[in-house]
Amino acid sequence: MSIDNIQENMQIARNIYSADGKVLLAEGMSLTINYIKRLRELGIMSLYITDRLIGKVEVDDLVKIQTRNEANRLIKKSMGMIRDGKNVSGEKINKVIREVLDEILSNRSISFNLVDIRALNDYLFGHSLTVCILSLMTGVAAGYNFTRLRDLSVGAILP
């Protein structure tokens, strides 16, 4: 549900994580006005809300939260190194991109909800990963081979 439609006392249906993987709000918690305000400030624009009429709906993550968090940490570190004029490890970036790509390719039949690609605590890093994931999905749909997908994702993940 869009943050604009969220109301006080609604119950969270899935954990909400920061960019570094910490749980900000746990599944089952009731939202307060202050929580909603803070989520907006963090750039979290949608979340899963419990609906008693529908019941529990399972939505699989396209990319595991652990992989997403690892990628966000690496992107943040790499951008800091670039800013400081240091060399960035292409091998580390390739490794995390391979993990993201492997997860996307292993879940081709997954029913993917674009709302689930959400902004995390630090917009720029979350955005970079989102661009990478969407680029990979486009490349997979276009029939790119692994080498082209890897090159596409490296270009997409770095601003």
N, C-alpha and C. Protein backbone atom coordinates (compact mmCIF):
# COMPACT_ATOMS: atom_id res chain seq x y z
N MET A 1 0.85 -1.17 0.00
CA MET A 1 0.00 0.00 0.00
C MET A 1 0.90 1.24 0.00
N SER A 2 0.52 2.24 -0.74
CA SER A 2 1.28 3.49 -0.78
C SER A 2 1.27 4.17 0.58
N ILE A 3 2.39 4.77 0.93
CA ILE A 3 2.49 5.48 2.21
C ILE A 3 1.43 6.56 2.32
N ASP A 4 0.98 7.09 1.18
CA ASP A 4 -0.04 8.14 1.18
C ASP A 4 -1.40 7.63 1.63
N ASN A 5 -1.61 6.33 1.55
CA ASN A 5 -2.89 5.73 1.95
C ASN A 5 -2.84 5.06 3.32
N ILE A 6 -1.67 5.06 3.94
CA ILE A 6 -1.49 4.42 5.24
C ILE A 6 -2.15 5.28 6.32
N GLN A 7 -2.79 4.61 7.25
CA GLN A 7 -3.44 5.32 8.36
C GLN A 7 -2.93 4.77 9.68
N GLU A 8 -3.05 5.60 10.69
CA GLU A 8 -2.65 5.20 12.04
C GLU A 8 -3.40 3.92 12.43
N ASN A 9 -2.71 3.06 13.18
CA ASN A 9 -3.23 1.79 13.70
C ASN A 9 -3.30 0.67 12.68
N MET A 10 -2.92 0.92 11.42
CA MET A 10 -2.82 -0.19 10.47
C MET A 10 -1.66 -1.07 10.91
N GLN A 11 -1.76 -2.36 10.59
CA GLN A 11 -0.75 -3.32 11.04
C GLN A 11 0.16 -3.72 9.88
N ILE A 12 1.48 -3.74 10.15
CA ILE A 12 2.48 -4.07 9.14
C ILE A 12 2.45 -5.58 8.88
N ALA A 13 2.43 -5.97 7.60
CA ALA A 13 2.37 -7.38 7.24
C ALA A 13 3.75 -7.99 6.96
N ARG A 14 4.77 -7.16 6.74
CA ARG A 14 6.15 -7.64 6.51
C ARG A 14 7.11 -6.69 7.20
N ASN A 15 8.23 -7.23 7.67
CA ASN A 15 9.26 -6.40 8.28
C ASN A 15 9.67 -5.28 7.32
N ILE A 16 10.04 -4.14 7.89
CA ILE A 16 10.59 -3.03 7.12
C ILE A 16 12.04 -2.89 7.56
N TYR A 17 12.95 -2.93 6.57
CA TYR A 17 14.38 -2.94 6.84
C TYR A 17 15.03 -1.63 6.44
N SER A 18 16.13 -1.31 7.13
CA SER A 18 16.99 -0.20 6.73
C SER A 18 17.94 -0.71 5.66
N ALA A 19 18.72 0.19 5.07
CA ALA A 19 19.66 -0.20 4.02
C ALA A 19 20.72 -1.17 4.53
N ASP A 20 21.02 -1.12 5.82
CA ASP A 20 22.04 -2.02 6.36
C ASP A 20 21.46 -3.30 6.94
N GLY A 21 20.18 -3.54 6.68
CA GLY A 21 19.57 -4.81 7.05
C GLY A 21 18.95 -4.87 8.42
N LYS A 22 18.93 -3.78 9.14
CA LYS A 22 18.30 -3.77 10.46
C LYS A 22 16.80 -3.61 10.32
N VAL A 23 16.06 -4.30 11.19
CA VAL A 23 14.61 -4.20 11.16
C VAL A 23 14.22 -2.85 11.77
N LEU A 24 13.54 -2.04 10.96
CA LEU A 24 13.05 -0.75 11.46
C LEU A 24 11.73 -0.94 12.18
N LEU A 25 10.82 -1.67 11.54
CA LEU A 25 9.53 -2.00 12.13
C LEU A 25 9.24 -3.47 11.82
N ALA A 26 8.82 -4.20 12.82
CA ALA A 26 8.61 -5.64 12.66
C ALA A 26 7.18 -5.94 12.22
N GLU A 27 7.06 -7.04 11.50
CA GLU A 27 5.75 -7.54 11.09
C GLU A 27 4.83 -7.62 12.31
N GLY A 28 3.60 -7.17 12.14
CA GLY A 28 2.61 -7.23 13.22
C GLY A 28 2.48 -5.94 14.02
N MET A 29 3.45 -5.04 13.89
CA MET A 29 3.38 -3.78 14.64
C MET A 29 2.28 -2.89 14.08
N SER A 30 1.66 -2.11 14.95
CA SER A 30 0.68 -1.12 14.52
C SER A 30 1.38 0.20 14.26
N LEU A 31 0.99 0.84 13.19
CA LEU A 31 1.63 2.10 12.80
C LEU A 31 1.08 3.27 13.60
N THR A 32 1.97 4.16 13.93
CA THR A 32 1.60 5.42 14.58
C THR A 32 1.85 6.55 13.59
N ILE A 33 1.34 7.71 13.88
CA ILE A 33 1.59 8.89 13.04
C ILE A 33 3.09 9.14 12.93
N ASN A 34 3.82 9.01 14.05
CA ASN A 34 5.27 9.24 14.03
C ASN A 34 5.99 8.21 13.18
N TYR A 35 5.58 6.95 13.22
CA TYR A 35 6.20 5.92 12.38
C TYR A 35 5.98 6.25 10.90
N ILE A 36 4.77 6.61 10.55
CA ILE A 36 4.44 6.93 9.16
C ILE A 36 5.28 8.12 8.68
N LYS A 37 5.39 9.13 9.51
CA LYS A 37 6.20 10.31 9.17
C LYS A 37 7.66 9.91 8.95
N ARG A 38 8.20 9.09 9.84
CA ARG A 38 9.61 8.67 9.73
C ARG A 38 9.84 7.80 8.49
N LEU A 39 8.90 6.93 8.17
CA LEU A 39 9.03 6.11 6.98
C LEU A 39 9.11 6.99 5.73
N ARG A 40 8.29 8.02 5.68
CA ARG A 40 8.35 8.98 4.56
C ARG A 40 9.72 9.63 4.49
N GLU A 41 10.23 10.06 5.65
CA GLU A 41 11.55 10.71 5.70
C GLU A 41 12.65 9.78 5.19
N LEU A 42 12.51 8.49 5.42
CA LEU A 42 13.49 7.50 4.99
C LEU A 42 13.32 7.12 3.52
N GLY A 43 12.29 7.64 2.88
CA GLY A 43 12.07 7.34 1.47
C GLY A 43 11.34 6.04 1.23
N ILE A 44 10.74 5.46 2.24
CA ILE A 44 9.97 4.23 2.09
C ILE A 44 8.56 4.64 1.71
N MET A 45 8.21 4.38 0.46
CA MET A 45 6.97 4.91 -0.08
C MET A 45 5.84 3.89 -0.17
N SER A 46 6.11 2.64 0.15
CA SER A 46 5.06 1.64 0.17
C SER A 46 5.43 0.53 1.15
N LEU A 47 4.42 -0.11 1.70
CA LEU A 47 4.65 -1.22 2.60
C LEU A 47 3.47 -2.18 2.56
N TYR A 48 3.71 -3.35 3.08
CA TYR A 48 2.67 -4.36 3.15
C TYR A 48 1.88 -4.17 4.44
N ILE A 49 0.56 -4.14 4.28
CA ILE A 49 -0.34 -3.93 5.40
C ILE A 49 -1.25 -5.16 5.54
N THR A 50 -1.50 -5.57 6.77
CA THR A 50 -2.38 -6.70 7.04
C THR A 50 -3.81 -6.32 6.67
N ASP A 51 -4.45 -7.21 5.93
CA ASP A 51 -5.86 -7.02 5.56
C ASP A 51 -6.61 -8.24 6.09
N ARG A 52 -7.48 -8.02 7.05
CA ARG A 52 -8.18 -9.14 7.69
C ARG A 52 -9.13 -9.87 6.74
N LEU A 53 -9.61 -9.18 5.70
CA LEU A 53 -10.52 -9.81 4.75
C LEU A 53 -9.78 -10.75 3.81
N ILE A 54 -8.57 -10.38 3.41
CA ILE A 54 -7.80 -11.20 2.47
C ILE A 54 -7.02 -12.28 3.19
N GLY A 55 -6.52 -11.96 4.36
CA GLY A 55 -5.68 -12.89 5.10
C GLY A 55 -4.22 -12.73 4.70
N LYS A 56 -3.43 -13.72 5.03
CA LYS A 56 -1.98 -13.66 4.78
C LYS A 56 -1.70 -13.90 3.30
N VAL A 57 -0.98 -12.97 2.70
CA VAL A 57 -0.57 -13.10 1.31
C VAL A 57 0.94 -13.20 1.29
N GLU A 58 1.47 -14.26 0.69
CA GLU A 58 2.91 -14.45 0.61
C GLU A 58 3.43 -13.87 -0.70
N VAL A 59 4.38 -12.96 -0.60
CA VAL A 59 5.04 -12.40 -1.77
C VAL A 59 6.53 -12.66 -1.59
N ASP A 60 7.08 -13.48 -2.49
CA ASP A 60 8.50 -13.80 -2.41
C ASP A 60 9.33 -12.61 -2.88
N ASP A 61 10.47 -12.41 -2.25
CA ASP A 61 11.40 -11.39 -2.68
C ASP A 61 12.13 -11.88 -3.92
N LEU A 62 12.27 -11.00 -4.89
CA LEU A 62 13.03 -11.34 -6.09
C LEU A 62 14.50 -11.50 -5.74
N VAL A 63 14.99 -10.62 -4.87
CA VAL A 63 16.38 -10.67 -4.40
C VAL A 63 16.31 -10.72 -2.88
N LYS A 64 16.97 -11.71 -2.28
CA LYS A 64 16.94 -11.88 -0.82
C LYS A 64 17.43 -10.63 -0.11
N ILE A 65 16.88 -10.36 1.06
CA ILE A 65 17.25 -9.17 1.82
C ILE A 65 18.74 -9.19 2.15
N GLN A 66 19.32 -10.38 2.40
CA GLN A 66 20.75 -10.45 2.70
C GLN A 66 21.58 -10.01 1.50
N THR A 67 21.19 -10.46 0.31
CA THR A 67 21.91 -10.08 -0.91
C THR A 67 21.73 -8.59 -1.17
N ARG A 68 20.52 -8.11 -0.99
CA ARG A 68 20.22 -6.68 -1.18
C ARG A 68 21.07 -5.83 -0.23
N ASN A 69 21.15 -6.25 1.03
CA ASN A 69 21.93 -5.49 2.01
C ASN A 69 23.43 -5.51 1.70
N GLU A 70 23.91 -6.68 1.28
CA GLU A 70 25.33 -6.80 0.91
C GLU A 70 25.64 -5.88 -0.27
N ALA A 71 24.75 -5.86 -1.26
CA ALA A 71 24.94 -5.01 -2.42
C ALA A 71 24.91 -3.53 -2.02
N ASN A 72 23.97 -3.16 -1.16
CA ASN A 72 23.89 -1.77 -0.72
C ASN A 72 25.16 -1.34 0.02
N ARG A 73 25.68 -2.22 0.89
CA ARG A 73 26.92 -1.89 1.61
C ARG A 73 28.09 -1.71 0.64
N LEU A 74 28.17 -2.60 -0.34
CA LEU A 74 29.26 -2.52 -1.31
C LEU A 74 29.14 -1.26 -2.16
N ILE A 75 27.94 -0.93 -2.59
CA ILE A 75 27.74 0.28 -3.39
C ILE A 75 28.13 1.51 -2.59
N LYS A 76 27.70 1.56 -1.34
CA LYS A 76 28.03 2.70 -0.49
C LYS A 76 29.54 2.84 -0.31
N LYS A 77 30.20 1.72 -0.02
CA LYS A 77 31.65 1.73 0.16
C LYS A 77 32.36 2.13 -1.13
N SER A 78 31.91 1.58 -2.26
CA SER A 78 32.53 1.88 -3.55
C SER A 78 32.38 3.35 -3.91
N MET A 79 31.20 3.90 -3.66
CA MET A 79 30.99 5.32 -3.98
C MET A 79 31.87 6.21 -3.10
N GLY A 80 32.06 5.81 -1.86
CA GLY A 80 32.96 6.56 -0.98
C GLY A 80 34.39 6.50 -1.48
N MET A 81 34.80 5.33 -1.95
CA MET A 81 36.16 5.18 -2.48
C MET A 81 36.34 6.02 -3.75
N ILE A 82 35.35 6.03 -4.61
CA ILE A 82 35.41 6.83 -5.83
C ILE A 82 35.51 8.31 -5.47
N ARG A 83 34.70 8.73 -4.52
CA ARG A 83 34.72 10.13 -4.06
C ARG A 83 36.10 10.51 -3.52
N ASP A 84 36.77 9.56 -2.85
CA ASP A 84 38.09 9.82 -2.26
C ASP A 84 39.23 9.59 -3.25
N GLY A 85 38.89 9.28 -4.50
CA GLY A 85 39.92 9.09 -5.52
C GLY A 85 40.63 7.75 -5.45
N LYS A 86 40.03 6.77 -4.77
CA LYS A 86 40.65 5.45 -4.64
C LYS A 86 40.09 4.50 -5.69
N ASN A 87 40.83 3.45 -5.96
CA ASN A 87 40.38 2.42 -6.90
C ASN A 87 39.32 1.54 -6.25
N VAL A 88 38.35 1.16 -7.03
CA VAL A 88 37.26 0.30 -6.57
C VAL A 88 37.52 -1.12 -7.07
N SER A 89 37.23 -2.10 -6.22
CA SER A 89 37.44 -3.50 -6.58
C SER A 89 36.35 -3.97 -7.53
N GLY A 90 36.73 -4.13 -8.80
CA GLY A 90 35.78 -4.64 -9.78
C GLY A 90 35.35 -6.06 -9.48
N GLU A 91 36.25 -6.84 -8.88
CA GLU A 91 35.92 -8.23 -8.55
C GLU A 91 34.81 -8.29 -7.50
N LYS A 92 34.86 -7.42 -6.49
CA LYS A 92 33.81 -7.42 -5.46
C LYS A 92 32.47 -7.01 -6.06
N ILE A 93 32.50 -6.01 -6.94
CA ILE A 93 31.26 -5.58 -7.60
C ILE A 93 30.72 -6.71 -8.47
N ASN A 94 31.59 -7.36 -9.22
CA ASN A 94 31.16 -8.48 -10.06
C ASN A 94 30.57 -9.61 -9.23
N LYS A 95 31.15 -9.87 -8.05
CA LYS A 95 30.66 -10.95 -7.18
C LYS A 95 29.22 -10.67 -6.73
N VAL A 96 28.98 -9.45 -6.25
CA VAL A 96 27.64 -9.15 -5.76
C VAL A 96 26.64 -9.10 -6.92
N ILE A 97 27.08 -8.64 -8.08
CA ILE A 97 26.21 -8.64 -9.25
C ILE A 97 25.87 -10.07 -9.66
N ARG A 98 26.85 -10.97 -9.60
CA ARG A 98 26.58 -12.39 -9.91
C ARG A 98 25.52 -12.96 -8.95
N GLU A 99 25.62 -12.59 -7.67
CA GLU A 99 24.64 -13.08 -6.70
C GLU A 99 23.24 -12.56 -7.03
N VAL A 100 23.13 -11.26 -7.35
CA VAL A 100 21.83 -10.69 -7.72
C VAL A 100 21.31 -11.37 -8.98
N LEU A 101 22.16 -11.52 -9.97
CA LEU A 101 21.77 -12.14 -11.24
C LEU A 101 21.35 -13.59 -11.02
N ASP A 102 22.10 -14.34 -10.23
CA ASP A 102 21.75 -15.74 -9.95
C ASP A 102 20.36 -15.84 -9.30
N GLU A 103 20.08 -14.94 -8.37
CA GLU A 103 18.77 -14.98 -7.71
C GLU A 103 17.65 -14.63 -8.67
N ILE A 104 17.88 -13.66 -9.55
CA ILE A 104 16.85 -13.31 -10.53
C ILE A 104 16.63 -14.47 -11.49
N LEU A 105 17.72 -15.06 -11.99
CA LEU A 105 17.59 -16.16 -12.95
C LEU A 105 16.98 -17.41 -12.32
N SER A 106 17.21 -17.63 -11.03
CA SER A 106 16.66 -18.81 -10.38
C SER A 106 15.18 -18.64 -10.04
N ASN A 107 14.66 -17.43 -10.15
CA ASN A 107 13.26 -17.16 -9.80
C ASN A 107 12.46 -16.66 -11.00
N ARG A 108 12.74 -17.18 -12.18
CA ARG A 108 12.07 -16.68 -13.39
C ARG A 108 10.56 -16.80 -13.31
N SER A 109 10.06 -17.81 -12.60
CA SER A 109 8.62 -18.01 -12.56
C SER A 109 7.96 -17.22 -11.42
N ILE A 110 8.75 -16.50 -10.68
CA ILE A 110 8.22 -15.76 -9.52
C ILE A 110 7.25 -14.68 -9.99
N SER A 111 6.18 -14.53 -9.27
CA SER A 111 5.25 -13.42 -9.52
C SER A 111 5.83 -12.21 -8.83
N PHE A 112 6.38 -11.30 -9.61
CA PHE A 112 7.14 -10.19 -9.06
C PHE A 112 6.29 -8.94 -8.97
N ASN A 113 6.33 -8.32 -7.83
CA ASN A 113 5.57 -7.11 -7.57
C ASN A 113 6.53 -5.93 -7.57
N LEU A 114 6.41 -5.00 -8.52
CA LEU A 114 7.32 -3.86 -8.60
C LEU A 114 7.28 -3.00 -7.35
N VAL A 115 6.18 -3.04 -6.61
CA VAL A 115 6.11 -2.26 -5.37
C VAL A 115 7.14 -2.76 -4.37
N ASP A 116 7.54 -4.04 -4.50
CA ASP A 116 8.49 -4.60 -3.54
C ASP A 116 9.90 -4.08 -3.73
N ILE A 117 10.22 -3.49 -4.88
CA ILE A 117 11.50 -2.80 -5.00
C ILE A 117 11.26 -1.44 -4.39
N ARG A 118 11.70 -1.28 -3.18
CA ARG A 118 11.37 -0.10 -2.41
C ARG A 118 12.64 0.63 -2.02
N ALA A 119 12.47 1.92 -1.77
CA ALA A 119 13.61 2.71 -1.30
C ALA A 119 13.98 2.23 0.08
N LEU A 120 15.27 2.14 0.32
CA LEU A 120 15.73 1.77 1.64
C LEU A 120 16.26 3.00 2.34
N ASN A 121 16.92 2.82 3.45
CA ASN A 121 17.35 3.92 4.30
C ASN A 121 18.11 4.99 3.54
N ASP A 122 19.01 4.62 2.67
CA ASP A 122 19.82 5.58 1.96
C ASP A 122 19.41 5.54 0.49
N TYR A 123 18.72 6.55 0.02
CA TYR A 123 18.07 6.54 -1.29
C TYR A 123 19.04 6.21 -2.41
N LEU A 124 20.18 6.87 -2.47
CA LEU A 124 21.09 6.70 -3.59
C LEU A 124 21.53 5.25 -3.75
N PHE A 125 21.87 4.59 -2.66
CA PHE A 125 22.35 3.22 -2.74
C PHE A 125 21.22 2.27 -3.07
N GLY A 126 20.07 2.48 -2.46
CA GLY A 126 18.90 1.66 -2.78
C GLY A 126 18.48 1.86 -4.23
N HIS A 127 18.57 3.10 -4.71
CA HIS A 127 18.21 3.40 -6.09
C HIS A 127 19.17 2.71 -7.06
N SER A 128 20.46 2.73 -6.76
CA SER A 128 21.44 2.08 -7.63
C SER A 128 21.14 0.60 -7.76
N LEU A 129 20.81 -0.05 -6.67
CA LEU A 129 20.49 -1.48 -6.72
C LEU A 129 19.19 -1.71 -7.49
N THR A 130 18.22 -0.84 -7.29
CA THR A 130 16.95 -0.96 -8.01
C THR A 130 17.18 -0.85 -9.51
N VAL A 131 17.98 0.12 -9.94
CA VAL A 131 18.30 0.28 -11.36
C VAL A 131 18.97 -0.99 -11.89
N CYS A 132 19.89 -1.55 -11.10
CA CYS A 132 20.58 -2.78 -11.50
C CYS A 132 19.58 -3.92 -11.67
N ILE A 133 18.71 -4.11 -10.71
CA ILE A 133 17.73 -5.21 -10.75
C ILE A 133 16.80 -5.05 -11.95
N LEU A 134 16.28 -3.85 -12.16
CA LEU A 134 15.38 -3.62 -13.29
C LEU A 134 16.10 -3.80 -14.62
N SER A 135 17.36 -3.38 -14.69
CA SER A 135 18.15 -3.57 -15.91
C SER A 135 18.36 -5.05 -16.19
N LEU A 136 18.67 -5.82 -15.12
CA LEU A 136 18.85 -7.26 -15.30
C LEU A 136 17.56 -7.93 -15.76
N MET A 137 16.45 -7.53 -15.19
CA MET A 137 15.17 -8.12 -15.60
C MET A 137 14.90 -7.83 -17.07
N THR A 138 15.22 -6.61 -17.50
CA THR A 138 15.04 -6.24 -18.90
C THR A 138 15.97 -7.05 -19.79
N GLY A 139 17.23 -7.19 -19.38
CA GLY A 139 18.19 -7.98 -20.14
C GLY A 139 17.80 -9.44 -20.24
N VAL A 140 17.30 -10.01 -19.14
CA VAL A 140 16.84 -11.41 -19.16
C VAL A 140 15.68 -11.55 -20.15
N ALA A 141 14.73 -10.61 -20.09
CA ALA A 141 13.57 -10.66 -21.00
C ALA A 141 14.00 -10.51 -22.46
N ALA A 142 15.09 -9.75 -22.67
CA ALA A 142 15.60 -9.55 -24.04
C ALA A 142 16.47 -10.71 -24.52
N GLY A 143 16.73 -11.67 -23.63
CA GLY A 143 17.50 -12.84 -24.01
C GLY A 143 19.01 -12.66 -24.00
N TYR A 144 19.50 -11.68 -23.24
CA TYR A 144 20.94 -11.46 -23.15
C TYR A 144 21.63 -12.68 -22.54
N ASN A 145 22.85 -12.94 -22.99
CA ASN A 145 23.63 -14.01 -22.38
C ASN A 145 24.25 -13.51 -21.07
N PHE A 146 24.89 -14.42 -20.35
CA PHE A 146 25.41 -14.07 -19.03
C PHE A 146 26.41 -12.92 -19.09
N THR A 147 27.30 -12.93 -20.06
CA THR A 147 28.32 -11.88 -20.17
C THR A 147 27.67 -10.52 -20.40
N ARG A 148 26.70 -10.47 -21.31
CA ARG A 148 26.00 -9.19 -21.55
C ARG A 148 25.23 -8.75 -20.32
N LEU A 149 24.61 -9.69 -19.60
CA LEU A 149 23.87 -9.34 -18.39
C LEU A 149 24.82 -8.78 -17.33
N ARG A 150 25.99 -9.41 -17.19
CA ARG A 150 26.96 -8.91 -16.21
C ARG A 150 27.42 -7.51 -16.57
N ASP A 151 27.73 -7.27 -17.84
CA ASP A 151 28.17 -5.94 -18.26
C ASP A 151 27.07 -4.90 -18.07
N LEU A 152 25.85 -5.28 -18.39
CA LEU A 152 24.70 -4.40 -18.20
C LEU A 152 24.56 -4.02 -16.73
N SER A 153 24.67 -5.01 -15.85
CA SER A 153 24.46 -4.75 -14.43
C SER A 153 25.58 -3.90 -13.82
N VAL A 154 26.80 -4.09 -14.28
CA VAL A 154 27.90 -3.25 -13.78
C VAL A 154 27.65 -1.80 -14.17
N GLY A 155 27.23 -1.59 -15.39
CA GLY A 155 26.93 -0.23 -15.84
C GLY A 155 25.75 0.37 -15.11
N ALA A 156 24.79 -0.45 -14.75
CA ALA A 156 23.58 0.04 -14.10
C ALA A 156 23.77 0.33 -12.61
N ILE A 157 24.67 -0.40 -11.96
CA ILE A 157 24.77 -0.28 -10.50
C ILE A 157 25.60 0.93 -10.06
N LEU A 158 26.48 1.39 -10.93
CA LEU A 158 27.31 2.54 -10.57
C LEU A 158 26.76 3.81 -11.21
N PRO A 159 26.61 4.88 -10.42
CA PRO A 159 26.02 6.11 -10.98
C PRO A 159 26.98 6.82 -11.94
